[in-house]
PDB file of N, CA and C in Angstrom:
ATOM      1  N   MET A   1       3.788  66.041  19.083  1.00  0.00           N
ATOM      2  CA  MET A   1       4.250  64.361  18.616  1.00  0.00           C
ATOM      3  C   MET A   1       4.849  63.840  19.516  1.00  0.00           C
ATOM      4  N   VAL A   2       4.424  62.628  20.132  1.00  0.00           N
ATOM      5  CA  VAL A   2       5.202  61.677  21.021  1.00  0.00           C
ATOM      6  C   VAL A   2       6.053  60.277  20.570  1.00  0.00           C
ATOM      7  N   HIS A   3       6.863  60.244  21.403  1.00  0.00           N
ATOM      8  CA  HIS A   3       8.012  59.009  20.613  1.00  0.00           C
ATOM      9  C   HIS A   3       8.601  59.216  21.947  1.00  0.00           C
ATOM     10  N   ILE A   4       9.271  57.684  21.990  1.00  0.00           N
ATOM     11  CA  ILE A   4       9.613  56.880  22.706  1.00  0.00           C
ATOM     12  C   ILE A   4      10.433  57.910  23.606  1.00  0.00           C
ATOM     13  N   ASN A   5      11.595  59.100  23.613  1.00  0.00           N
ATOM     14  CA  ASN A   5      12.446  59.774  24.486  1.00  0.00           C
ATOM     15  C   ASN A   5      11.976  60.555  25.196  1.00  0.00           C
ATOM     16  N   ARG A   6      10.478  60.860  25.064  1.00  0.00           N
ATOM     17  CA  ARG A   6       9.924  62.098  25.221  1.00  0.00           C
ATOM     18  C   ARG A   6       9.638  61.862  26.488  1.00  0.00           C
ATOM     19  N   LEU A   7       9.790  62.656  27.702  1.00  0.00           N
ATOM     20  CA  LEU A   7       8.941  62.530  29.054  1.00  0.00           C
ATOM     21  C   LEU A   7       7.597  63.458  29.405  1.00  0.00           C
ATOM     22  N   SER A   8       6.975  62.808  30.031  1.00  0.00           N
ATOM     23  CA  SER A   8       6.044  63.243  30.219  1.00  0.00           C
ATOM     24  C   SER A   8       5.776  64.450  31.559  1.00  0.00           C
ATOM     25  N   PRO A   9       5.279  65.230  31.791  1.00  0.00           N
ATOM     26  CA  PRO A   9       5.375  66.089  33.274  1.00  0.00           C
ATOM     27  C   PRO A   9       4.986  64.763  34.497  1.00  0.00           C
ATOM     28  N   LYS A  10       3.816  63.977  33.846  1.00  0.00           N
ATOM     29  CA  LYS A  10       3.467  62.837  35.276  1.00  0.00           C
ATOM     30  C   LYS A  10       4.995  62.407  35.504  1.00  0.00           C
ATOM     31  N   ASN A  11       5.562  61.660  34.215  1.00  0.00           N
ATOM     32  CA  ASN A  11       6.814  60.909  34.632  1.00  0.00           C
ATOM     33  C   ASN A  11       7.886  61.973  35.723  1.00  0.00           C
ATOM     34  N   VAL A  12       8.054  63.383  35.219  1.00  0.00           N
ATOM     35  CA  VAL A  12       9.204  64.432  36.005  1.00  0.00           C
ATOM     36  C   VAL A  12       8.281  64.136  37.535  1.00  0.00           C
ATOM     37  N   GLU A  13       7.309  64.353  37.797  1.00  0.00           N
ATOM     38  CA  GLU A  13       6.674  64.742  38.858  1.00  0.00           C
ATOM     39  C   GLU A  13       6.716  63.107  39.798  1.00  0.00           C
ATOM     40  N   GLU A  14       6.294  62.062  39.130  1.00  0.00           N
ATOM     41  CA  GLU A  14       6.653  60.911  40.166  1.00  0.00           C
ATOM     42  C   GLU A  14       8.109  60.649  40.633  1.00  0.00           C
ATOM     43  N   LEU A  15       8.568  61.070  39.872  1.00  0.00           N
ATOM     44  CA  LEU A  15      10.428  61.303  39.945  1.00  0.00           C
ATOM     45  C   LEU A  15      10.972  61.848  40.719  1.00  0.00           C
ATOM     46  N   LEU A  16       9.890  63.466  40.552  1.00  0.00           N
ATOM     47  CA  LEU A  16      10.526  64.792  41.865  1.00  0.00           C
ATOM     48  C   LEU A  16       9.895  63.783  43.416  1.00  0.00           C
ATOM     49  N   THR A  17       9.279  63.234  42.952  1.00  0.00           N
ATOM     50  CA  THR A  17       8.280  62.758  44.426  1.00  0.00           C
ATOM     51  C   THR A  17       9.444  61.586  45.186  1.00  0.00           C
ATOM     52  N   ILE A  18       9.930  60.525  44.648  1.00  0.00           N
ATOM     53  CA  ILE A  18      10.894  59.889  44.468  1.00  0.00           C
ATOM     54  C   ILE A  18      12.091  60.561  45.106  1.00  0.00           C
ATOM     55  N   LEU A  19      12.555  61.861  44.735  1.00  0.00           N
ATOM     56  CA  LEU A  19      13.467  61.982  45.071  1.00  0.00           C
ATOM     57  C   LEU A  19      13.179  63.229  46.350  1.00  0.00           C
ATOM     58  N   ARG A  20      11.879  63.690  46.521  1.00  0.00           N
ATOM     59  CA  ARG A  20      12.149  64.677  47.542  1.00  0.00           C
ATOM     60  C   ARG A  20      11.947  63.835  48.708  1.00  0.00           C
ATOM     61  N   GLN A  21      11.094  62.655  48.864  1.00  0.00           N
ATOM     62  CA  GLN A  21      11.098  61.191  50.401  1.00  0.00           C
ATOM     63  C   GLN A  21      12.580  61.025  50.527  1.00  0.00           C
ATOM     64  N   GLY A  22      13.312  61.028  49.491  1.00  0.00           N
ATOM     65  CA  GLY A  22      14.854  60.460  49.598  1.00  0.00           C
ATOM     66  C   GLY A  22      15.711  62.206  50.336  1.00  0.00           C
ATOM     67  N   ASN A  23      14.727  63.189  50.343  1.00  0.00           N
ATOM     68  CA  ASN A  23      15.919  64.231  50.650  1.00  0.00           C
ATOM     69  C   ASN A  23      16.828  64.490  49.672  1.00  0.00           C
ATOM     70  N   HIS A  24      16.663  64.728  48.421  1.00  0.00           N
ATOM     71  CA  HIS A  24      17.598  64.343  47.375  1.00  0.00           C
ATOM     72  C   HIS A  24      17.812  66.094  47.049  1.00  0.00           C
ATOM     73  N   ILE A  25      16.205  66.502  47.132  1.00  0.00           N
ATOM     74  CA  ILE A  25      16.367  67.985  46.756  1.00  0.00           C
ATOM     75  C   ILE A  25      15.546  68.488  47.778  1.00  0.00           C
ATOM     76  N   ASP A  26      15.556  70.278  47.777  1.00  0.00           N
ATOM     77  CA  ASP A  26      14.854  70.869  48.539  1.00  0.00           C
ATOM     78  C   ASP A  26      13.969  71.511  46.960  1.00  0.00           C
ATOM     79  N   GLY A  27      12.789  72.349  48.132  1.00  0.00           N
ATOM     80  CA  GLY A  27      12.475  73.742  47.481  1.00  0.00           C
ATOM     81  C   GLY A  27      11.157  72.681  46.347  1.00  0.00           C
ATOM     82  N   HIS A  28      11.105  74.114  45.537  1.00  0.00           N
ATOM     83  CA  HIS A  28       9.673  73.915  44.505  1.00  0.00           C
ATOM     84  C   HIS A  28      10.853  73.413  43.361  1.00  0.00           C
ATOM     85  N   LEU A  29      10.294  72.406  42.564  1.00  0.00           N
ATOM     86  CA  LEU A  29      10.511  72.453  41.623  1.00  0.00           C
ATOM     87  C   LEU A  29       9.263  71.894  40.321  1.00  0.00           C
ATOM     88  N   ASP A  30       8.986  72.283  39.626  1.00  0.00           N
ATOM     89  CA  ASP A  30       8.056  72.217  38.281  1.00  0.00           C
ATOM     90  C   ASP A  30       8.053  71.481  37.278  1.00  0.00           C
ATOM     91  N   ALA A  31       7.362  70.305  37.548  1.00  0.00           N
ATOM     92  CA  ALA A  31       7.354  69.023  36.808  1.00  0.00           C
ATOM     93  C   ALA A  31       6.949  69.422  35.090  1.00  0.00           C
ATOM     94  N   ASN A  32       6.368  70.199  34.981  1.00  0.00           N
ATOM     95  CA  ASN A  32       5.929  70.621  33.719  1.00  0.00           C
ATOM     96  C   ASN A  32       7.305  71.487  33.153  1.00  0.00           C
ATOM     97  N   GLU A  33       7.918  72.207  33.400  1.00  0.00           N
ATOM     98  CA  GLU A  33       8.710  73.292  33.105  1.00  0.00           C
ATOM     99  C   GLU A  33      10.664  72.346  32.754  1.00  0.00           C
ATOM    100  N   ILE A  34      10.339  71.170  33.857  1.00  0.00           N
ATOM    101  CA  ILE A  34      11.519  70.289  33.457  1.00  0.00           C
ATOM    102  C   ILE A  34      11.274  69.125  32.159  1.00  0.00           C
ATOM    103  N   ALA A  35      10.063  68.984  32.156  1.00  0.00           N
ATOM    104  CA  ALA A  35       9.888  68.098  31.661  1.00  0.00           C
ATOM    105  C   ALA A  35      10.249  68.699  29.962  1.00  0.00           C
ATOM    106  N   ARG A  36       9.284  70.131  29.915  1.00  0.00           N
ATOM    107  CA  ARG A  36       9.807  70.780  28.834  1.00  0.00           C
ATOM    108  C   ARG A  36      10.883  71.016  28.008  1.00  0.00           C
ATOM    109  N   GLY A  37      11.948  71.275  29.557  1.00  0.00           N
ATOM    110  CA  GLY A  37      13.334  71.459  28.907  1.00  0.00           C
ATOM    111  C   GLY A  37      14.049  70.107  28.433  1.00  0.00           C
ATOM    112  N   TYR A  38      13.357  68.972  29.241  1.00  0.00           N
ATOM    113  CA  TYR A  38      14.052  67.935  28.714  1.00  0.00           C
ATOM    114  C   TYR A  38      14.061  67.561  27.005  1.00  0.00           C
ATOM    115  N   ASN A  39      12.270  67.828  27.048  1.00  0.00           N
ATOM    116  CA  ASN A  39      12.032  67.416  25.972  1.00  0.00           C
ATOM    117  C   ASN A  39      12.325  68.550  24.052  1.00  0.00           C
ATOM    118  N   ARG A  40      12.994  69.687  25.085  1.00  0.00           N
ATOM    119  CA  ARG A  40      13.525  70.746  23.907  1.00  0.00           C
ATOM    120  C   ARG A  40      14.985  70.067  23.256  1.00  0.00           C
ATOM    121  N   ARG A  41      15.068  69.180  24.740  1.00  0.00           N
ATOM    122  CA  ARG A  41      17.094  69.029  24.065  1.00  0.00           C
ATOM    123  C   ARG A  41      16.630  67.819  22.930  1.00  0.00           C
ATOM    124  N   LEU A  42      15.494  66.801  22.468  1.00  0.00           N
ATOM    125  CA  LEU A  42      15.998  65.845  21.443  1.00  0.00           C
ATOM    126  C   LEU A  42      15.730  66.423  20.442  1.00  0.00           C
ATOM    127  N   VAL A  43      15.200  67.654  20.036  1.00  0.00           N
ATOM    128  CA  VAL A  43      15.122  68.417  18.758  1.00  0.00           C
ATOM    129  C   VAL A  43      16.381  68.680  18.563  1.00  0.00           C
ATOM    130  N   PHE A  44      16.605  68.530  17.519  1.00  0.00           N
ATOM    131  CA  PHE A  44      18.257  69.154  16.752  1.00  0.00           C
ATOM    132  C   PHE A  44      18.071  69.354  15.352  1.00  0.00           C
ATOM    133  N   PRO A  45      18.755  70.314  14.631  1.00  0.00           N
ATOM    134  CA  PRO A  45      18.506  70.936  13.782  1.00  0.00           C
ATOM    135  C   PRO A  45      18.178  69.895  12.285  1.00  0.00           C
ATOM    136  N   PRO A  46      17.673  70.444  11.575  1.00  0.00           N
ATOM    137  CA  PRO A  46      17.264  69.664  10.383  1.00  0.00           C
ATOM    138  C   PRO A  46      18.779  69.542   9.126  1.00  0.00           C
ATOM    139  N   ASP A  47      19.922  70.396   9.286  1.00  0.00           N
ATOM    140  CA  ASP A  47      21.208  70.231   8.897  1.00  0.00           C
ATOM    141  C   ASP A  47      21.865  69.343   9.294  1.00  0.00           C
ATOM    142  N   ASP A  48      21.647  68.854  10.567  1.00  0.00           N
ATOM    143  CA  ASP A  48      22.381  68.268  11.271  1.00  0.00           C
ATOM    144  C   ASP A  48      22.931  66.617  10.545  1.00  0.00           C
ATOM    145  N   THR A  49      24.029  66.375  10.575  1.00  0.00           N
ATOM    146  CA  THR A  49      24.094  64.928   9.653  1.00  0.00           C
ATOM    147  C   THR A  49      24.220  63.838  10.496  1.00  0.00           C
ATOM    148  N   ARG A  50      24.173  63.845  11.628  1.00  0.00           N
ATOM    149  CA  ARG A  50      24.389  62.939  12.845  1.00  0.00           C
ATOM    150  C   ARG A  50      22.957  62.317  12.848  1.00  0.00           C
ATOM    151  N   LEU A  51      22.395  60.685  12.950  1.00  0.00           N
ATOM    152  CA  LEU A  51      21.452  59.624  12.930  1.00  0.00           C
ATOM    153  C   LEU A  51      21.034  59.958  15.262  1.00  0.00           C
ATOM    154  N   CYS A  52      20.178  59.798  15.330  1.00  0.00           N
ATOM    155  CA  CYS A  52      19.664  59.794  16.699  1.00  0.00           C
ATOM    156  C   CYS A  52      18.922  58.635  16.625  1.00  0.00           C
ATOM    157  N   TYR A  53      19.652  57.672  17.512  1.00  0.00           N
ATOM    158  CA  TYR A  53      18.486  56.067  17.635  1.00  0.00           C
ATOM    159  C   TYR A  53      18.479  55.900  19.083  1.00  0.00           C
ATOM    160  N   SER A  54      17.188  55.033  19.056  1.00  0.00           N
ATOM    161  CA  SER A  54      16.658  54.741  21.108  1.00  0.00           C
ATOM    162  C   SER A  54      16.609  53.375  20.609  1.00  0.00           C
ATOM    163  N   ILE A  55      17.490  52.517  22.001  1.00  0.00           N
ATOM    164  CA  ILE A  55      16.923  51.315  21.806  1.00  0.00           C
ATOM    165  C   ILE A  55      15.393  51.153  22.724  1.00  0.00           C
ATOM    166  N   ARG A  56      14.631  50.773  22.294  1.00  0.00           N
ATOM    167  CA  ARG A  56      13.432  50.344  22.666  1.00  0.00           C
ATOM    168  C   ARG A  56      13.274  49.050  23.455  1.00  0.00           C
ATOM    169  N   GLU A  57      12.741  48.954  24.560  1.00  0.00           N
ATOM    170  CA  GLU A  57      12.835  48.208  26.010  1.00  0.00           C
ATOM    171  C   GLU A  57      13.849  47.109  25.620  1.00  0.00           C
ATOM    172  N   GLU A  58      15.127  47.587  25.702  1.00  0.00           N
ATOM    173  CA  GLU A  58      16.517  46.987  25.952  1.00  0.00           C
ATOM    174  C   GLU A  58      16.643  45.973  27.454  1.00  0.00           C
ATOM    175  N   ILE A  59      16.737  44.877  26.773  1.00  0.00           N
ATOM    176  CA  ILE A  59      17.132  43.615  28.205  1.00  0.00           C
ATOM    177  C   ILE A  59      18.177  43.920  28.758  1.00  0.00           C
ATOM    178  N   ARG A  60      18.292  44.729  29.855  1.00  0.00           N
ATOM    179  CA  ARG A  60      19.576  44.165  30.817  1.00  0.00           C
ATOM    180  C   ARG A  60      19.042  43.059  31.860  1.00  0.00           C
ATOM    181  N   VAL A  61      20.040  42.585  32.052  1.00  0.00           N
ATOM    182  CA  VAL A  61      20.076  41.706  33.547  1.00  0.00           C
ATOM    183  C   VAL A  61      21.232  41.959  34.054  1.00  0.00           C
ATOM    184  N   GLY A  62      21.084  41.246  35.242  1.00  0.00           N
ATOM    185  CA  GLY A  62      22.196  41.080  35.880  1.00  0.00           C
ATOM    186  C   GLY A  62      23.702  40.629  35.301  1.00  0.00           C
ATOM    187  N   VAL A  63      23.565  39.757  34.090  1.00  0.00           N
ATOM    188  CA  VAL A  63      24.449  38.793  33.702  1.00  0.00           C
ATOM    189  C   VAL A  63      25.335  39.532  32.856  1.00  0.00           C
ATOM    190  N   TRP A  64      24.328  40.735  32.592  1.00  0.00           N
ATOM    191  CA  TRP A  64      24.769  41.247  30.786  1.00  0.00           C
ATOM    192  C   TRP A  64      24.202  43.050  31.423  1.00  0.00           C
ATOM    193  N   PRO A  65      24.291  43.604  32.189  1.00  0.00           N
ATOM    194  CA  PRO A  65      24.056  44.854  32.515  1.00  0.00           C
ATOM    195  C   PRO A  65      24.482  45.956  31.678  1.00  0.00           C
ATOM    196  N   ASN A  66      25.241  46.284  31.254  1.00  0.00           N
ATOM    197  CA  ASN A  66      25.634  46.948  29.694  1.00  0.00           C
ATOM    198  C   ASN A  66      25.954  46.141  28.419  1.00  0.00           C
ATOM    199  N   PRO A  67      25.519  46.993  27.739  1.00  0.00           N
ATOM    200  CA  PRO A  67      25.860  46.716  26.082  1.00  0.00           C
ATOM    201  C   PRO A  67      27.697  46.507  25.673  1.00  0.00           C
ATOM    202  N   ARG A  68      27.632  45.514  24.970  1.00  0.00           N
ATOM    203  CA  ARG A  68      29.640  45.734  25.285  1.00  0.00           C
ATOM    204  C   ARG A  68      30.089  46.757  24.394  1.00  0.00           C
ATOM    205  N   GLY A  69      31.054  47.470  24.553  1.00  0.00           N
ATOM    206  CA  GLY A  69      31.897  48.548  24.115  1.00  0.00           C
ATOM    207  C   GLY A  69      30.769  49.784  24.822  1.00  0.00           C
ATOM    208  N   GLY A  70      29.724  49.713  25.632  1.00  0.00           N
ATOM    209  CA  GLY A  70      29.429  50.865  26.264  1.00  0.00           C
ATOM    210  C   GLY A  70      28.274  51.723  25.648  1.00  0.00           C
ATOM    211  N   MET A  71      27.362  50.976  24.933  1.00  0.00           N
ATOM    212  CA  MET A  71      26.687  51.841  23.626  1.00  0.00           C
ATOM    213  C   MET A  71      25.299  52.159  24.844  1.00  0.00           C
ATOM    214  N   GLU A  72      24.941  53.699  24.941  1.00  0.00           N
ATOM    215  CA  GLU A  72      23.850  54.154  24.978  1.00  0.00           C
ATOM    216  C   GLU A  72      22.495  53.431  24.915  1.00  0.00           C
ATOM    217  N   SER A  73      21.492  53.553  25.443  1.00  0.00           N
ATOM    218  CA  SER A  73      20.033  53.628  25.081  1.00  0.00           C
ATOM    219  C   SER A  73      19.411  54.212  24.011  1.00  0.00           C
ATOM    220  N   ARG A  74      20.465  55.574  24.138  1.00  0.00           N
ATOM    221  CA  ARG A  74      19.813  56.652  22.416  1.00  0.00           C
ATOM    222  C   ARG A  74      21.294  57.436  23.053  1.00  0.00           C
ATOM    223  N   ALA A  75      21.017  57.971  21.855  1.00  0.00           N
ATOM    224  CA  ALA A  75      22.066  58.615  21.486  1.00  0.00           C
ATOM    225  C   ALA A  75      22.377  58.865  20.011  1.00  0.00           C
ATOM    226  N   PHE A  76      23.598  60.144  19.184  1.00  0.00           N
ATOM    227  CA  PHE A  76      23.650  60.851  18.279  1.00  0.00           C
ATOM    228  C   PHE A  76      24.554  59.790  17.453  1.00  0.00           C
ATOM    229  N   VAL A  77      24.632  59.406  16.436  1.00  0.00           N
ATOM    230  CA  VAL A  77      25.882  58.689  15.761  1.00  0.00           C
ATOM    231  C   VAL A  77      26.136  58.973  13.767  1.00  0.00           C
ATOM    232  N   GLN A  78      27.228  59.036  14.045  1.00  0.00           N
ATOM    233  CA  GLN A  78      27.398  58.842  12.833  1.00  0.00           C
ATOM    234  C   GLN A  78      26.651  58.030  11.760  1.00  0.00           C
ATOM    235  N   LYS A  79      27.076  57.149  11.937  1.00  0.00           N
ATOM    236  CA  LYS A  79      26.943  55.770  11.311  1.00  0.00           C
ATOM    237  C   LYS A  79      26.380  54.043  12.263  1.00  0.00           C
ATOM    238  N   LEU A  80      25.541  53.746  12.629  1.00  0.00           N
ATOM    239  CA  LEU A  80      25.384  52.515  13.261  1.00  0.00           C
ATOM    240  C   LEU A  80      25.254  51.681  12.357  1.00  0.00           C
ATOM    241  N   TYR A  81      25.985  50.132  13.248  1.00  0.00           N
ATOM    242  CA  TYR A  81      26.001  49.421  12.838  1.00  0.00           C
ATOM    243  C   TYR A  81      25.077  48.060  13.345  1.00  0.00           C
ATOM    244  N   VAL A  82      23.931  47.444  13.321  1.00  0.00           N
ATOM    245  CA  VAL A  82      23.362  46.699  14.192  1.00  0.00           C
ATOM    246  C   VAL A  82      22.816  45.455  13.684  1.00  0.00           C
ATOM    247  N   GLN A  83      23.182  44.103  14.445  1.00  0.00           N
ATOM    248  CA  GLN A  83      23.724  42.931  13.851  1.00  0.00           C
ATOM    249  C   GLN A  83      22.485  42.008  15.315  1.00  0.00           C
ATOM    250  N   SER A  84      21.410  41.352  14.843  1.00  0.00           N
ATOM    251  CA  SER A  84      20.377  40.837  15.529  1.00  0.00           C
ATOM    252  C   SER A  84      20.602  39.725  16.193  1.00  0.00           C
ATOM    253  N   LYS A  85      20.480  39.556  17.652  1.00  0.00           N
ATOM    254  CA  LYS A  85      20.698  38.485  18.029  1.00  0.00           C
ATOM    255  C   LYS A  85      19.365  37.938  18.784  1.00  0.00           C
ATOM    256  N   CYS A  86      18.191  38.248  18.195  1.00  0.00           N
ATOM    257  CA  CYS A  86      16.863  37.950  18.650  1.00  0.00           C
ATOM    258  C   CYS A  86      16.081  37.169  17.333  1.00  0.00           C
ATOM    259  N   LEU A  87      14.825  36.123  17.737  1.00  0.00           N
ATOM    260  CA  LEU A  87      14.248  35.505  17.275  1.00  0.00           C
ATOM    261  C   LEU A  87      12.227  36.322  17.368  1.00  0.00           C
ATOM    262  N   ASP A  88      12.170  36.245  15.961  1.00  0.00           N
ATOM    263  CA  ASP A  88      10.782  36.962  15.544  1.00  0.00           C
ATOM    264  C   ASP A  88      10.989  38.376  15.696  1.00  0.00           C
ATOM    265  N   ALA A  89      12.058  38.846  15.511  1.00  0.00           N
ATOM    266  CA  ALA A  89      12.365  40.601  15.727  1.00  0.00           C
ATOM    267  C   ALA A  89      11.867  41.594  14.674  1.00  0.00           C
ATOM    268  N   SER A  90      11.960  42.701  14.645  1.00  0.00           N
ATOM    269  CA  SER A  90      12.044  43.575  13.729  1.00  0.00           C
ATOM    270  C   SER A  90      12.762  44.859  14.100  1.00  0.00           C
ATOM    271  N   LEU A  91      13.297  45.428  12.788  1.00  0.00           N
ATOM    272  CA  LEU A  91      13.609  46.511  13.241  1.00  0.00           C
ATOM    273  C   LEU A  91      12.770  47.552  12.493  1.00  0.00           C
ATOM    274  N   VAL A  92      12.594  48.987  13.169  1.00  0.00           N
ATOM    275  CA  VAL A  92      11.406  50.099  13.153  1.00  0.00           C
ATOM    276  C   VAL A  92      12.468  51.319  12.923  1.00  0.00           C
ATOM    277  N   ILE A  93      12.202  51.640  11.910  1.00  0.00           N
ATOM    278  CA  ILE A  93      12.665  52.931  11.134  1.00  0.00           C
ATOM    279  C   ILE A  93      11.589  54.042  11.236  1.00  0.00           C
ATOM    280  N   ASP A  94      11.739  55.321  12.176  1.00  0.00           N
ATOM    281  CA  ASP A  94      11.077  56.372  12.141  1.00  0.00           C
ATOM    282  C   ASP A  94       9.603  56.089  12.454  1.00  0.00           C
ATOM    283  N   GLY A  95       9.308  54.680  13.774  1.00  0.00           N
ATOM    284  CA  GLY A  95       8.584  54.686  14.206  1.00  0.00           C
ATOM    285  C   GLY A  95       7.350  53.778  13.412  1.00  0.00           C
ATOM    286  N   SER A  96       7.407  54.225  11.857  1.00  0.00           N
ATOM    287  CA  SER A  96       6.573  52.948  10.873  1.00  0.00           C
ATOM    288  C   SER A  96       7.021  52.447   9.805  1.00  0.00           C
ATOM    289  N   ILE A  97       8.123  52.347   9.611  1.00  0.00           N
ATOM    290  CA  ILE A  97       8.471  51.540   8.326  1.00  0.00           C
ATOM    291  C   ILE A  97       8.962  50.371   9.342  1.00  0.00           C
ATOM    292  N   SER A  98       8.569  49.111   9.223  1.00  0.00           N
ATOM    293  CA  SER A  98       9.200  47.312  10.127  1.00  0.00           C
ATOM    294  C   SER A  98       9.641  46.906   8.883  1.00  0.00           C
ATOM    295  N   TYR A  99      10.755  46.246   9.194  1.00  0.00           N
ATOM    296  CA  TYR A  99      11.491  44.934   8.137  1.00  0.00           C
ATOM    297  C   TYR A  99      11.602  43.963   9.012  1.00  0.00           C
ATOM    298  N   PRO A 100      11.768  42.706   9.078  1.00  0.00           N
ATOM    299  CA  PRO A 100      11.807  41.319   9.702  1.00  0.00           C
ATOM    300  C   PRO A 100      13.789  41.710  10.065  1.00  0.00           C
ATOM    301  N   PHE A 101      13.776  41.379  11.255  1.00  0.00           N
ATOM    302  CA  PHE A 101      15.189  41.701  11.769  1.00  0.00           C
ATOM    303  C   PHE A 101      15.677  40.404  12.403  1.00  0.00           C
ATOM    304  N   ASN A 102      15.538  39.041  12.032  1.00  0.00           N
ATOM    305  CA  ASN A 102      15.944  38.093  13.121  1.00  0.00           C
ATOM    306  C   ASN A 102      17.546  37.610  13.433  1.00  0.00           C
ATOM    307  N   ASP A 103      17.472  36.744  14.445  1.00  0.00           N
ATOM    308  CA  ASP A 103      19.343  36.124  14.110  1.00  0.00           C
ATOM    309  C   ASP A 103      19.517  36.464  13.049  1.00  0.00           C
ATOM    310  N   GLY A 104      21.193  37.021  13.570  1.00  0.00           N
ATOM    311  CA  GLY A 104      21.807  37.221  12.469  1.00  0.00           C
ATOM    312  C   GLY A 104      21.765  38.125  10.976  1.00  0.00           C
ATOM    313  N   ALA A 105      20.769  38.783  10.952  1.00  0.00           N
ATOM    314  CA  ALA A 105      20.709  39.502  10.361  1.00  0.00           C
ATOM    315  C   ALA A 105      21.218  41.189  10.638  1.00  0.00           C
ATOM    316  N   LYS A 106      21.595  41.949   9.793  1.00  0.00           N
ATOM    317  CA  LYS A 106      23.082  43.152  10.498  1.00  0.00           C
ATOM    318  C   LYS A 106      22.689  44.143   9.043  1.00  0.00           C
ATOM    319  N   VAL A 107      22.679  45.188   9.640  1.00  0.00           N
ATOM    320  CA  VAL A 107      22.249  46.549   8.752  1.00  0.00           C
ATOM    321  C   VAL A 107      23.547  47.692   9.206  1.00  0.00           C
ATOM    322  N   VAL A 108      23.491  48.558   8.346  1.00  0.00           N
ATOM    323  CA  VAL A 108      24.550  49.480   8.640  1.00  0.00           C
ATOM    324  C   VAL A 108      23.578  51.172   8.513  1.00  0.00           C
ATOM    325  N   LEU A 109      23.175  51.532   9.212  1.00  0.00           N
ATOM    326  CA  LEU A 109      22.922  52.431   9.312  1.00  0.00           C
ATOM    327  C   LEU A 109      23.394  54.414   9.143  1.00  0.00           C
ATOM    328  N   GLU A 110      23.330  54.897   8.010  1.00  0.00           N
ATOM    329  CA  GLU A 110      24.091  55.987   7.891  1.00  0.00           C
ATOM    330  C   GLU A 110      23.633  57.183   7.602  1.00  0.00           C
ATOM    331  N   THR A 111      23.955  58.356   6.904  1.00  0.00           N
ATOM    332  CA  THR A 111      23.250  59.456   5.903  1.00  0.00           C
ATOM    333  C   THR A 111      24.418  59.903   5.482  1.00  0.00           C
ATOM    334  N   ARG A 112      23.815  60.170   4.132  1.00  0.00           N
ATOM    335  CA  ARG A 112      24.426  60.606   3.381  1.00  0.00           C
ATOM    336  C   ARG A 112      24.190  62.079   2.764  1.00  0.00           C
ATOM    337  N   PRO A 113      25.179  62.847   1.894  1.00  0.00           N
ATOM    338  CA  PRO A 113      24.866  64.342   1.429  1.00  0.00           C
ATOM    339  C   PRO A 113      23.386  63.594   0.787  1.00  0.00           C
ATOM    340  N   GLU A 114      23.129  62.931  -0.465  1.00  0.00           N
ATOM    341  CA  GLU A 114      22.841  62.987  -1.689  1.00  0.00           C
ATOM    342  C   GLU A 114      21.455  62.553  -1.156  1.00  0.00           C
ATOM    343  N   ASP A 115      21.208  61.730   0.195  1.00  0.00           N
ATOM    344  CA  ASP A 115      20.165  61.888   0.641  1.00  0.00           C
ATOM    345  C   ASP A 115      19.369  62.924   1.950  1.00  0.00           C
ATOM    346  N   SER A 116      19.548  63.765   1.463  1.00  0.00           N
ATOM    347  CA  SER A 116      19.381  65.282   2.788  1.00  0.00           C
ATOM    348  C   SER A 116      17.989  65.498   1.982  1.00  0.00           C
ATOM    349  N   LEU A 117      17.092  65.700   2.757  1.00  0.00           N
ATOM    350  CA  LEU A 117      15.793  66.147   2.270  1.00  0.00           C
ATOM    351  C   LEU A 117      16.052  68.028   2.438  1.00  0.00           C
ATOM    352  N   LEU A 118      15.248  68.554   1.061  1.00  0.00           N
ATOM    353  CA  LEU A 118      15.200  69.902   1.009  1.00  0.00           C
ATOM    354  C   LEU A 118      13.958  70.532   1.217  1.00  0.00           C
ATOM    355  N   THR A 119      15.005  71.670   2.663  1.00  0.00           N
ATOM    356  CA  THR A 119      13.632  71.916   2.890  1.00  0.00           C
ATOM    357  C   THR A 119      14.064  73.614   2.873  1.00  0.00           C
ATOM    358  N   ILE A 120      12.869  74.335   3.425  1.00  0.00           N
ATOM    359  CA  ILE A 120      13.100  75.972   3.413  1.00  0.00           C
ATOM    360  C   ILE A 120      12.186  76.043   4.468  1.00  0.00           C
ATOM    361  N   SER A 121      12.974  77.541   5.096  1.00  0.00           N
ATOM    362  CA  SER A 121      12.714  77.959   6.230  1.00  0.00           C
ATOM    363  C   SER A 121      12.067  78.892   5.354  1.00  0.00           C
ATOM    364  N   MET A 122      11.103  79.609   5.936  1.00  0.00           N
ATOM    365  CA  MET A 122       9.999  80.868   5.604  1.00  0.00           C
ATOM    366  C   MET A 122       9.744  81.695   6.955  1.00  0.00           C
ATOM    367  N   ASP A 123       9.752  82.720   6.982  1.00  0.00           N
ATOM    368  CA  ASP A 123       9.722  84.011   8.268  1.00  0.00           C
ATOM    369  C   ASP A 123       8.407  84.362   8.340  1.00  0.00           C
TER     370      ASP A 123
END
């Protein structure tokens, strides 16, 4: 499965090339191994009660380089409050469920124990 947080070995290789050109790193670094290591960190256990969010195509310009409050473009949280400041916008959940989310719309996203998925692990 590919998602917006995943790094491809090609992306890592391009970053390594830039770093090597600036003499920031020495020696051989394997882009495949770095990408695998990074991508493994994106997986979290099913019993984790936190939400993982990603802001896709975040707008950052010189007059507003970082959102107020220091919000990261990707992080884990217990609860997330979002208010739209966009026209003709959508809020997408799990990459497939889309809701109209235009200027002034508000939403609180959180998990509760009663919403947990019931899963089993088989050896």
